[in-house]
């Protein structure tokens, strides 16, 4: 969800300004044009695409991203701080939440990380997972993968204005009017869109400073919670069906059977750990990808897990307000209950900064992604237009903003379910491409290779794939999110069929250069 100016943004920007972005693939695939009649070649040519083996990677001085750089990118892209992780505890209780925070990175985070490491090292070029799916299943599914990723990113961006308002409301009280709340969210969305219209980008040093600013207050909250914690027994609690509060909103009793909201729990966990596969799209900028990617992915997953575990652990043992009342944005009210206005204000400002940074960065990536697709006739032509003064893809930015303004009306859980479902779609496709390429590209040079035979890998991917299927299906149990996901998915399939990507995707590639 983030962007770095040097060398990442400059290279990514440049790669998307070329007339034919997919021309970068020509060294790794073979295209032949067959026609029975020369005079009607343009109309009846049949494009036959077949993947070929990737040659040995040549070290390029332009490859500047190292392990530390990838870790920094991955950290801010995936979480950017613990904001939004509070429902993990309230949905199932501290015991279930903390256990899953330890288990989830192992059963889903690490498999995705290691698949990303192998394929990014095997295809060390900008484009990432779209390139993998393209090589495995051809242009139709390559388009679907990129389209789902773009829509998922835009929907995800609709969360951040709501998170900012929720954090404010936790400290200063509810806004009251739903209409006023919508327009405040819309104003935040528009304001945070301006940097992308004006060509302002988040630079590498700025991201480091922002990450430190975001994390320090949560480290303080963790230590403060341990020192002043008075309810260590809460660590063993699970959510029950009958919960009673007094007039002040304090917990009186919690009885009855287990009442775990698995949908909220699993979707919030996935949302908070999702995004590592996005590190593949800048594979062309990574130095020694065979060693860099696996190390960076492992460090990132562990660091992200600690980012959630530490402040949540401290907040649980302090347990005021009670964990049963936590919602997105509750960290500010927890800090306020600790009796420190400065810490509460700092966490609120850190939340705003984190939300703003992730919104701006993700909108930047989403806009350039859809513009690049338009430049290759994978999306409507008007989306490739750039602003002459600022050289920004303003039509793509506005298209993304329109979707965001429609979706900010939905609550946190509905938006999370929608973005998660689409993310699950393309990550299932990535797993399938991973296995397919092991069969069809067995001789492909893989500087890093996940240990195990294909049957072993299939068994190892059963649990993460089952989780992804659950996340993809779960959205269809809520009417409005289900209709939106179904609508955008159907639109992508129909558009690809109409454009006939399976026949004409590579027709304009210049293979002689």
Protein backbone atom coordinates (compact mmCIF):
# COMPACT_ATOMS: atom_id res chain seq x y z
CA UNK A 1 0.00 0.00 0.00
CA UNK A 2 2.96 2.28 -0.15
CA UNK A 3 5.35 3.90 -2.57
CA UNK A 4 8.99 4.92 -2.34
CA UNK A 5 10.52 7.67 -4.42
CA UNK A 6 14.02 6.30 -4.93
CA UNK A 7 14.59 4.02 -6.63
CA UNK A 8 11.14 2.48 -6.48
CA UNK A 9 8.73 5.18 -7.55
CA UNK A 10 10.93 6.56 -10.28
CA UNK A 11 11.39 3.15 -11.83
CA UNK A 12 7.76 2.17 -11.40
CA UNK A 13 6.65 5.46 -12.90
CA UNK A 14 9.03 5.06 -15.81
CA UNK A 15 7.94 1.50 -16.48
CA UNK A 16 4.35 2.67 -16.75
CA UNK A 17 5.10 5.55 -19.11
CA UNK A 18 6.49 3.34 -21.85
CA UNK A 19 4.16 2.95 -24.83
CA UNK A 20 3.81 -0.78 -24.23
CA UNK A 21 4.48 -1.77 -20.65
CA UNK A 22 4.17 -5.48 -21.33
CA UNK A 23 7.08 -5.14 -23.75
CA UNK A 24 9.16 -5.80 -20.64
CA UNK A 25 7.96 -9.39 -20.85
CA UNK A 26 9.35 -10.08 -24.29
CA UNK A 27 12.64 -11.46 -22.95
CA UNK A 28 10.72 -14.08 -20.99
CA UNK A 29 8.03 -15.17 -23.41
CA UNK A 30 7.63 -16.04 -27.05
CA UNK A 31 4.98 -14.62 -29.34
CA UNK A 32 4.32 -15.81 -32.86
CA UNK A 33 1.84 -14.29 -35.27
CA UNK A 34 0.27 -16.71 -37.73
CA UNK A 35 -1.87 -15.68 -40.67
CA UNK A 36 -3.07 -17.58 -43.74
CA UNK A 37 -3.43 -14.39 -45.80
CA UNK A 38 -0.84 -11.63 -45.72
CA UNK A 39 -3.20 -8.92 -46.91
CA UNK A 40 -5.58 -9.37 -44.00
CA UNK A 41 -2.90 -9.92 -41.39
CA UNK A 42 -4.10 -7.05 -39.21
CA UNK A 43 -7.64 -8.37 -39.03
CA UNK A 44 -7.20 -12.15 -38.90
CA UNK A 45 -3.85 -12.66 -37.27
CA UNK A 46 -3.93 -15.23 -34.52
CA UNK A 47 -1.58 -14.55 -31.69
CA UNK A 48 -0.14 -17.65 -30.12
CA UNK A 49 1.45 -17.00 -26.74
CA UNK A 50 3.62 -19.50 -24.98
CA UNK A 51 5.84 -19.02 -21.98
CA UNK A 52 9.55 -19.70 -22.28
CA UNK A 53 12.28 -20.26 -19.78
CA UNK A 54 13.75 -17.23 -18.08
CA UNK A 55 17.40 -16.72 -18.71
CA UNK A 56 20.02 -16.28 -16.04
CA UNK A 57 19.52 -13.07 -14.14
CA UNK A 58 22.11 -10.44 -14.93
CA UNK A 59 23.05 -8.18 -12.08
CA UNK A 60 22.06 -4.61 -12.85
CA UNK A 61 23.51 -1.60 -11.04
CA UNK A 62 20.00 -0.11 -11.11
CA UNK A 63 18.85 -2.84 -8.73
CA UNK A 64 19.20 -1.01 -5.45
CA UNK A 65 16.59 -2.50 -3.11
CA UNK A 66 18.13 -4.72 -0.44
CA UNK A 67 16.69 -6.78 2.42
CA UNK A 68 16.22 -3.70 4.59
CA UNK A 69 14.50 -1.81 1.80
CA UNK A 70 12.06 -4.64 1.07
CA UNK A 71 11.33 -5.05 4.80
CA UNK A 72 10.54 -1.33 5.07
CA UNK A 73 8.29 -1.43 2.02
CA UNK A 74 6.53 -4.60 3.12
CA UNK A 75 6.02 -3.38 6.67
CA UNK A 76 4.28 -0.17 5.70
CA UNK A 77 2.42 -1.79 2.81
CA UNK A 78 0.95 -4.54 4.97
CA UNK A 79 0.21 -2.87 8.29
CA UNK A 80 1.79 0.56 8.85
CA UNK A 81 1.11 0.13 12.56
CA UNK A 82 -1.47 -1.71 14.67
CA UNK A 83 -4.39 0.62 13.87
CA UNK A 84 -7.45 -1.44 12.89
CA UNK A 85 -6.35 -4.63 14.66
CA UNK A 86 -8.58 -4.13 17.73
CA UNK A 87 -11.50 -6.27 16.38
CA UNK A 88 -9.18 -9.30 16.40
CA UNK A 89 -9.55 -9.30 20.20
CA UNK A 90 -13.18 -8.21 20.54
CA UNK A 91 -14.45 -10.71 17.94
CA UNK A 92 -13.27 -13.80 19.80
CA UNK A 93 -11.65 -12.78 23.05
CA UNK A 94 -8.01 -12.27 24.07
CA UNK A 95 -7.16 -15.98 24.22
CA UNK A 96 -8.44 -16.77 20.71
CA UNK A 97 -7.16 -13.47 19.28
CA UNK A 98 -3.61 -13.80 20.61
CA UNK A 99 -3.35 -17.46 19.60
CA UNK A 100 -4.47 -16.64 16.06
CA UNK A 101 -2.05 -13.71 15.89
CA UNK A 102 0.69 -16.28 16.52
CA UNK A 103 -0.74 -18.96 14.22
CA UNK A 104 -2.07 -16.90 11.30
CA UNK A 105 1.36 -15.72 10.07
CA UNK A 106 2.50 -19.36 9.99
CA UNK A 107 -0.48 -20.90 8.20
CA UNK A 108 -1.10 -18.08 5.69
CA UNK A 109 1.51 -15.32 5.99
CA UNK A 110 4.59 -17.50 5.51
CA UNK A 111 3.20 -19.60 2.60
CA UNK A 112 2.32 -16.43 0.69
CA UNK A 113 5.69 -14.92 1.61
CA UNK A 114 7.66 -17.93 0.38
CA UNK A 115 5.65 -18.27 -2.84
CA UNK A 116 6.33 -14.57 -3.41
CA UNK A 117 10.04 -15.12 -2.71
CA UNK A 118 10.38 -18.01 -5.19
CA UNK A 119 8.46 -16.44 -8.05
CA UNK A 120 9.91 -12.95 -7.54
CA UNK A 121 13.41 -14.42 -7.72
CA UNK A 122 12.50 -16.50 -10.78
CA UNK A 123 10.89 -13.53 -12.55
CA UNK A 124 12.91 -10.57 -11.21
CA UNK A 125 11.10 -7.84 -13.07
CA UNK A 126 8.52 -5.16 -12.45
CA UNK A 127 5.02 -6.58 -12.80
CA UNK A 128 5.13 -9.24 -10.13
CA UNK A 129 2.15 -11.53 -9.70
CA UNK A 130 0.50 -10.41 -12.94
CA UNK A 131 3.58 -11.68 -14.80
CA UNK A 132 3.45 -15.04 -12.98
CA UNK A 133 -0.22 -15.57 -13.83
CA UNK A 134 0.45 -14.40 -17.38
CA UNK A 135 3.14 -17.06 -17.82
CA UNK A 136 1.04 -19.76 -16.16
CA UNK A 137 -2.42 -19.19 -17.61
CA UNK A 138 -2.17 -16.59 -20.37
CA UNK A 139 -3.45 -13.04 -20.90
CA UNK A 140 -7.09 -13.52 -19.89
CA UNK A 141 -6.23 -14.59 -16.36
CA UNK A 142 -3.31 -12.17 -16.24
CA UNK A 143 -5.84 -9.38 -16.80
CA UNK A 144 -8.20 -10.74 -14.16
CA UNK A 145 -5.35 -10.87 -11.65
CA UNK A 146 -4.37 -7.25 -12.28
CA UNK A 147 -7.99 -6.08 -12.35
CA UNK A 148 -8.90 -7.79 -9.08
CA UNK A 149 -5.79 -6.34 -7.45
CA UNK A 150 -6.71 -2.81 -8.61
CA UNK A 151 -10.32 -3.05 -7.45
CA UNK A 152 -9.23 -4.58 -4.14
CA UNK A 153 -6.78 -1.71 -3.60
CA UNK A 154 -9.37 0.96 -4.37
CA UNK A 155 -11.92 -0.65 -2.04
CA UNK A 156 -9.23 -0.90 0.64
CA UNK A 157 -8.64 2.84 0.32
CA UNK A 158 -12.27 3.45 1.28
CA UNK A 159 -11.36 2.20 4.78
CA UNK A 160 -8.93 4.94 5.73
CA UNK A 161 -11.28 7.96 5.91
CA UNK A 162 -13.60 5.85 8.07
CA UNK A 163 -10.74 4.76 10.33
CA UNK A 164 -9.72 8.39 10.80
CA UNK A 165 -13.27 9.37 11.77
CA UNK A 166 -13.59 6.35 14.11
CA UNK A 167 -10.36 7.27 15.90
CA UNK A 168 -11.56 10.86 16.33
CA UNK A 169 -14.93 9.64 17.64
CA UNK A 170 -13.23 7.39 20.22
CA UNK A 171 -11.63 10.47 21.80
CA UNK A 172 -14.16 13.25 21.23
CA UNK A 173 -17.45 11.38 20.83
CA UNK A 174 -19.67 10.45 17.90
CA UNK A 175 -20.36 12.99 15.19
CA UNK A 176 -24.08 12.24 15.47
CA UNK A 177 -25.40 12.89 11.99
CA UNK A 178 -24.82 10.12 9.40
CA UNK A 179 -24.95 12.75 6.65
CA UNK A 180 -22.32 14.89 8.35
CA UNK A 181 -20.17 11.81 8.94
CA UNK A 182 -20.33 10.87 5.25
CA UNK A 183 -19.30 14.34 4.09
CA UNK A 184 -16.43 14.42 6.59
CA UNK A 185 -15.21 11.07 5.23
CA UNK A 186 -15.63 12.37 1.68
CA UNK A 187 -13.69 15.54 2.50
CA UNK A 188 -10.85 13.47 3.95
CA UNK A 189 -10.83 11.24 0.84
CA UNK A 190 -10.71 14.24 -1.51
CA UNK A 191 -8.03 16.00 0.55
CA UNK A 192 -5.82 12.91 0.59
CA UNK A 193 -6.31 12.51 -3.16
CA UNK A 194 -4.77 15.92 -3.93
CA UNK A 195 -1.13 14.81 -3.50
CA UNK A 196 -1.64 12.25 -6.27
CA UNK A 197 -3.11 14.90 -8.56
CA UNK A 198 -0.27 17.33 -7.86
CA UNK A 199 2.51 14.81 -8.29
CA UNK A 200 3.53 14.85 -4.61
CA UNK A 201 5.02 11.52 -3.56
CA UNK A 202 6.00 9.94 -0.30
CA UNK A 203 9.78 9.58 -0.33
CA UNK A 204 11.82 6.88 1.35
CA UNK A 205 13.12 8.94 4.27
CA UNK A 206 9.63 10.29 4.86
CA UNK A 207 8.29 6.75 5.18
CA UNK A 208 10.95 5.86 7.74
CA UNK A 209 10.15 8.95 9.83
CA UNK A 210 6.42 8.28 9.51
CA UNK A 211 6.84 4.66 10.61
CA UNK A 212 8.82 5.71 13.69
CA UNK A 213 6.24 8.38 14.55
CA UNK A 214 3.46 5.79 14.24
CA UNK A 215 5.15 3.04 16.27
CA UNK A 216 6.64 4.90 19.27
CA UNK A 217 3.31 5.69 21.00
CA UNK A 218 2.23 2.05 20.68
CA UNK A 219 5.48 0.87 22.23
CA UNK A 220 4.79 3.30 25.09
CA UNK A 221 1.24 1.91 25.37
CA UNK A 222 2.62 -1.66 25.53
CA UNK A 223 5.07 -0.81 28.34
CA UNK A 224 2.50 1.30 30.19
CA UNK A 225 -0.04 -1.52 29.98
CA UNK A 226 2.43 -4.03 31.43
CA UNK A 227 3.44 -1.72 34.29
CA UNK A 228 -0.04 -0.58 35.26
CA UNK A 229 -1.97 -3.67 34.13
CA UNK A 230 -4.40 -4.96 36.72
CA UNK A 231 -6.33 -7.65 34.82
CA UNK A 232 -3.88 -10.33 33.72
CA UNK A 233 -6.69 -12.90 33.90
CA UNK A 234 -8.22 -11.26 30.82
CA UNK A 235 -5.55 -12.98 28.71
CA UNK A 236 -7.43 -16.28 29.14
CA UNK A 237 -10.91 -14.96 28.34
CA UNK A 238 -13.05 -15.82 25.31
CA UNK A 239 -16.14 -14.05 24.07
CA UNK A 240 -19.44 -15.33 25.51
CA UNK A 241 -23.01 -14.90 24.32
CA UNK A 242 -24.42 -13.00 27.33
CA UNK A 243 -22.54 -9.78 28.11
CA UNK A 244 -23.90 -7.21 30.59
CA UNK A 245 -22.68 -3.64 31.12
CA UNK A 246 -23.53 -1.04 33.74
CA UNK A 247 -24.73 2.52 33.07
CA UNK A 248 -21.14 3.69 32.59
CA UNK A 249 -20.46 1.06 29.93
CA UNK A 250 -18.26 -1.04 32.19
CA UNK A 251 -18.47 -4.82 32.00
CA UNK A 252 -20.60 -6.39 34.75
CA UNK A 253 -20.71 -10.03 33.66
CA UNK A 254 -20.01 -12.32 30.71
CA UNK A 255 -21.72 -15.71 30.72
CA UNK A 256 -23.24 -18.26 28.36
CA UNK A 257 -21.70 -20.28 25.56
CA UNK A 258 -18.87 -19.26 23.29
CA UNK A 259 -19.90 -16.55 20.84
CA UNK A 260 -16.96 -16.08 18.47
CA UNK A 261 -17.56 -13.91 15.41
CA UNK A 262 -15.44 -15.98 13.04
CA UNK A 263 -16.23 -13.84 10.00
CA UNK A 264 -14.98 -10.62 11.62
CA UNK A 265 -12.05 -12.41 13.23
CA UNK A 266 -10.72 -14.14 10.10
CA UNK A 267 -11.35 -11.17 7.80
CA UNK A 268 -9.67 -8.71 10.18
CA UNK A 269 -6.67 -11.02 10.56
CA UNK A 270 -6.38 -11.40 6.80
CA UNK A 271 -6.71 -7.67 6.20
CA UNK A 272 -4.00 -6.91 8.76
CA UNK A 273 -1.55 -9.42 7.24
CA UNK A 274 -2.46 -8.95 3.58
CA UNK A 275 -0.18 -7.22 1.08
CA UNK A 276 3.20 -8.99 1.15
CA UNK A 277 2.67 -10.36 -2.36
CA UNK A 278 2.62 -6.75 -3.57
CA UNK A 279 6.38 -6.59 -3.02
CA UNK A 280 6.76 -8.61 -6.21
CA UNK A 281 5.65 -5.78 -8.49
CA UNK A 282 9.02 -4.06 -8.03
CA UNK A 283 11.12 -7.16 -8.66
CA UNK A 284 13.16 -5.34 -11.28
CA UNK A 285 14.62 -3.07 -8.61
CA UNK A 286 15.78 -5.76 -6.15
CA UNK A 287 19.46 -6.57 -5.76
CA UNK A 288 20.24 -10.31 -5.68
CA UNK A 289 16.55 -11.30 -5.52
CA UNK A 290 17.30 -14.98 -4.86
CA UNK A 291 18.66 -14.10 -1.41
CA UNK A 292 16.93 -10.80 -0.76
CA UNK A 293 13.31 -11.89 -1.14
CA UNK A 294 13.21 -14.93 1.18
CA UNK A 295 15.09 -13.11 3.95
CA UNK A 296 12.99 -9.97 3.61
CA UNK A 297 9.70 -11.87 3.55
CA UNK A 298 10.53 -13.86 6.70
CA UNK A 299 11.67 -10.77 8.63
CA UNK A 300 8.62 -8.82 7.48
CA UNK A 301 6.09 -11.44 8.59
CA UNK A 302 7.69 -11.71 12.05
CA UNK A 303 7.98 -7.93 12.46
CA UNK A 304 4.37 -7.37 11.43
CA UNK A 305 3.15 -10.04 13.87
CA UNK A 306 5.05 -8.33 16.72
CA UNK A 307 3.55 -4.97 15.71
CA UNK A 308 0.09 -6.32 16.47
CA UNK A 309 0.95 -8.56 19.42
CA UNK A 310 2.80 -6.03 21.59
CA UNK A 311 0.26 -3.17 21.87
CA UNK A 312 -2.71 -5.55 21.98
CA UNK A 313 -1.07 -7.53 24.80
CA UNK A 314 -0.46 -4.36 26.82
CA UNK A 315 -4.00 -3.13 26.17
CA UNK A 316 -5.52 -6.47 27.25
CA UNK A 317 -3.79 -6.62 30.64
CA UNK A 318 -4.77 -2.98 31.28
CA UNK A 319 -8.28 -3.86 30.00
CA UNK A 320 -9.95 -0.48 30.25
CA UNK A 321 -12.21 -0.01 28.42
CA UNK A 322 -13.03 -3.72 28.50
CA UNK A 323 -11.89 -5.69 25.46
CA UNK A 324 -15.49 -6.65 24.61
CA UNK A 325 -16.15 -3.03 23.58
CA UNK A 326 -13.14 -2.60 21.29
CA UNK A 327 -13.65 -1.58 17.70
CA UNK A 328 -11.47 -0.09 14.98
CA UNK A 329 -9.89 3.04 16.44
CA UNK A 330 -10.13 1.95 20.09
CA UNK A 331 -6.43 2.38 20.84
CA UNK A 332 -7.03 6.10 21.44
CA UNK A 333 -9.70 5.45 24.08
CA UNK A 334 -7.44 2.84 25.72
CA UNK A 335 -4.64 5.41 25.99
CA UNK A 336 -7.11 7.96 27.34
CA UNK A 337 -8.24 5.47 30.02
CA UNK A 338 -4.62 5.10 31.08
CA UNK A 339 -4.95 8.70 32.19
CA UNK A 340 -2.56 10.30 29.75
CA UNK A 341 -4.05 12.88 27.41
CA UNK A 342 -0.72 13.36 25.64
CA UNK A 343 -0.43 9.64 24.77
CA UNK A 344 -4.05 9.52 23.63
CA UNK A 345 -3.53 12.55 21.38
CA UNK A 346 -0.27 11.10 20.06
CA UNK A 347 -1.97 7.82 19.15
CA UNK A 348 -4.80 9.69 17.47
CA UNK A 349 -2.30 11.75 15.43
CA UNK A 350 -0.28 8.61 14.67
CA UNK A 351 -3.47 6.94 13.45
CA UNK A 352 -4.23 9.90 11.19
CA UNK A 353 -0.66 9.89 9.86
CA UNK A 354 -0.72 6.15 9.22
CA UNK A 355 -4.11 6.30 7.48
CA UNK A 356 -3.02 9.27 5.37
CA UNK A 357 0.25 7.64 4.37
CA UNK A 358 -1.35 4.35 3.38
CA UNK A 359 -4.20 6.09 1.52
CA UNK A 360 -1.89 8.35 -0.51
CA UNK A 361 0.58 5.57 -1.28
CA UNK A 362 -2.04 2.97 -2.21
CA UNK A 363 -3.95 5.41 -4.40
CA UNK A 364 -0.67 6.24 -6.14
CA UNK A 365 0.02 2.58 -6.89
CA UNK A 366 -3.60 1.83 -7.87
CA UNK A 367 -3.78 4.80 -10.23
CA UNK A 368 -0.52 3.99 -12.00
CA UNK A 369 -1.49 0.33 -12.20
CA UNK A 370 -4.78 1.02 -13.99
CA UNK A 371 -3.09 3.65 -16.20
CA UNK A 372 -0.49 1.08 -17.23
CA UNK A 373 -3.26 -1.38 -18.05
CA UNK A 374 -4.97 1.29 -20.17
CA UNK A 375 -1.72 2.00 -22.03
CA UNK A 376 -1.75 -1.63 -23.12
CA UNK A 377 -5.45 -1.62 -24.06
CA UNK A 378 -6.27 -3.62 -20.94
CA UNK A 379 -8.54 -0.85 -19.63
CA UNK A 380 -10.56 2.01 -21.19
CA UNK A 381 -8.33 4.44 -23.09
CA UNK A 382 -9.36 7.55 -21.12
CA UNK A 383 -7.60 6.13 -18.05
CA UNK A 384 -4.16 6.50 -19.65
CA UNK A 385 -4.39 10.29 -19.95
CA UNK A 386 -1.81 12.26 -17.97
CA UNK A 387 -1.97 15.80 -16.66
CA UNK A 388 0.33 17.90 -18.87
CA UNK A 389 1.58 20.06 -16.00
CA UNK A 390 2.11 17.48 -13.27
CA UNK A 391 2.47 14.34 -15.45
CA UNK A 392 0.03 12.49 -13.17
CA UNK A 393 -2.66 10.01 -14.29
CA UNK A 394 -5.48 12.31 -13.24
CA UNK A 395 -8.27 10.35 -14.96
CA UNK A 396 -7.14 7.15 -13.23
CA UNK A 397 -7.00 9.02 -9.92
CA UNK A 398 -10.51 10.40 -10.41
CA UNK A 399 -11.84 6.96 -11.40
CA UNK A 400 -10.41 5.50 -8.20
CA UNK A 401 -11.78 8.40 -6.15
CA UNK A 402 -15.32 7.89 -7.51
CA UNK A 403 -15.28 4.26 -6.37
CA UNK A 404 -13.95 5.34 -2.96
CA UNK A 405 -16.68 7.98 -2.51
CA UNK A 406 -19.34 5.35 -3.21
CA UNK A 407 -17.90 2.83 -0.76
CA UNK A 408 -17.05 5.04 2.25
CA UNK A 409 -20.72 4.82 3.22
CA UNK A 410 -20.21 1.16 4.15
CA UNK A 411 -19.01 0.19 7.62
CA UNK A 412 -15.55 -1.14 8.41
CA UNK A 413 -16.45 -4.84 8.34
CA UNK A 414 -18.28 -4.66 5.00
CA UNK A 415 -15.39 -2.85 3.30
CA UNK A 416 -12.87 -5.28 4.80
CA UNK A 417 -14.92 -8.24 3.53
CA UNK A 418 -15.10 -6.80 0.01
CA UNK A 419 -11.40 -5.98 -0.34
CA UNK A 420 -10.48 -9.30 1.27
CA UNK A 421 -12.66 -11.30 -1.12
CA UNK A 422 -11.03 -9.78 -4.19
CA UNK A 423 -7.58 -10.19 -2.63
CA UNK A 424 -8.40 -13.84 -1.97
CA UNK A 425 -9.46 -14.27 -5.62
CA UNK A 426 -6.11 -13.22 -7.03
CA UNK A 427 -4.05 -14.92 -4.32
CA UNK A 428 -5.76 -18.25 -5.06
CA UNK A 429 -4.78 -17.60 -8.68
CA UNK A 430 -1.19 -16.95 -7.55
CA UNK A 431 -1.06 -20.27 -5.67
CA UNK A 432 -2.40 -22.02 -8.78
CA UNK A 433 0.22 -20.27 -10.94
CA UNK A 434 2.94 -21.31 -8.47
CA UNK A 435 2.03 -25.00 -8.83
CA UNK A 436 1.44 -24.75 -12.60
CA UNK A 437 4.84 -23.14 -13.20
CA UNK A 438 6.51 -25.93 -11.21
CA UNK A 439 5.08 -28.33 -13.83
CA UNK A 440 5.38 -26.33 -17.04
CA UNK A 441 8.59 -24.45 -16.17
CA UNK A 442 10.43 -27.15 -14.26
CA UNK A 443 13.75 -26.08 -15.84
CA UNK A 444 13.28 -22.40 -15.03
CA UNK A 445 16.21 -21.04 -13.03
CA UNK A 446 14.98 -20.39 -9.50
CA UNK A 447 17.64 -18.63 -7.38
CA UNK A 448 15.41 -19.39 -4.40
CA UNK A 449 13.16 -22.44 -4.37
CA UNK A 450 10.62 -23.44 -1.74
CA UNK A 451 11.72 -26.90 -0.51
CA UNK A 452 9.57 -29.89 -1.39
CA UNK A 453 8.13 -31.82 -4.31
CA UNK A 454 4.94 -30.74 -6.04
CA UNK A 455 2.73 -33.17 -4.03
CA UNK A 456 4.28 -31.86 -0.81
CA UNK A 457 3.66 -28.27 -1.89
CA UNK A 458 0.04 -29.10 -2.72
CA UNK A 459 -0.44 -30.49 0.78
CA UNK A 460 1.30 -27.47 2.30
CA UNK A 461 -1.00 -25.09 0.43
CA UNK A 462 -4.23 -26.85 1.44
CA UNK A 463 -4.79 -24.87 4.66
CA UNK A 464 -3.90 -21.41 3.26
CA UNK A 465 -6.01 -22.11 0.17
CA UNK A 466 -8.94 -23.21 2.35
CA UNK A 467 -8.64 -19.96 4.31
CA UNK A 468 -8.61 -17.94 1.08
CA UNK A 469 -11.68 -19.81 -0.17
CA UNK A 470 -13.46 -19.09 3.13
CA UNK A 471 -12.61 -15.38 2.83
CA UNK A 472 -13.70 -15.30 -0.81
CA UNK A 473 -17.03 -16.98 -0.04
CA UNK A 474 -17.79 -15.18 3.24
CA UNK A 475 -18.55 -11.87 1.52
CA UNK A 476 -21.57 -13.43 -0.22
CA UNK A 477 -23.45 -13.80 3.08
CA UNK A 478 -24.03 -10.02 3.23
CA UNK A 479 -26.25 -8.69 0.45
CA UNK A 480 -24.75 -5.30 -0.49
CA UNK A 481 -21.06 -6.33 -0.37
CA UNK A 482 -21.95 -9.54 -2.22
CA UNK A 483 -23.66 -7.63 -5.03
CA UNK A 484 -20.72 -5.23 -5.37
CA UNK A 485 -18.11 -8.01 -5.49
CA UNK A 486 -20.24 -10.05 -7.91
CA UNK A 487 -20.82 -6.99 -10.09
CA UNK A 488 -17.18 -5.92 -10.40
CA UNK A 489 -16.05 -9.52 -10.96
CA UNK A 490 -18.61 -10.06 -13.71
CA UNK A 491 -17.64 -6.73 -15.29
CA UNK A 492 -14.00 -7.86 -15.46
CA UNK A 493 -14.89 -11.17 -17.10
CA UNK A 494 -17.20 -9.54 -19.66
CA UNK A 495 -14.66 -6.81 -20.46
CA UNK A 496 -11.91 -9.37 -21.03
CA UNK A 497 -14.18 -11.46 -23.26
CA UNK A 498 -15.18 -8.37 -25.22
CA UNK A 499 -11.56 -7.30 -25.72
CA UNK A 500 -10.52 -10.87 -26.60
CA UNK A 501 -7.31 -10.71 -24.59
CA UNK A 502 -6.68 -14.39 -25.20
CA UNK A 503 -6.09 -13.70 -28.92
CA UNK A 504 -4.77 -10.19 -29.25
CA UNK A 505 -2.95 -9.32 -26.04
CA UNK A 506 0.57 -9.34 -27.51
CA UNK A 507 -0.17 -8.32 -31.09
CA UNK A 508 1.43 -4.88 -30.75
CA UNK A 509 4.60 -5.96 -28.96
CA UNK A 510 7.73 -4.96 -30.84
CA UNK A 511 9.87 -8.09 -30.60
CA UNK A 512 12.61 -6.92 -32.92
CA UNK A 513 14.07 -4.21 -30.68
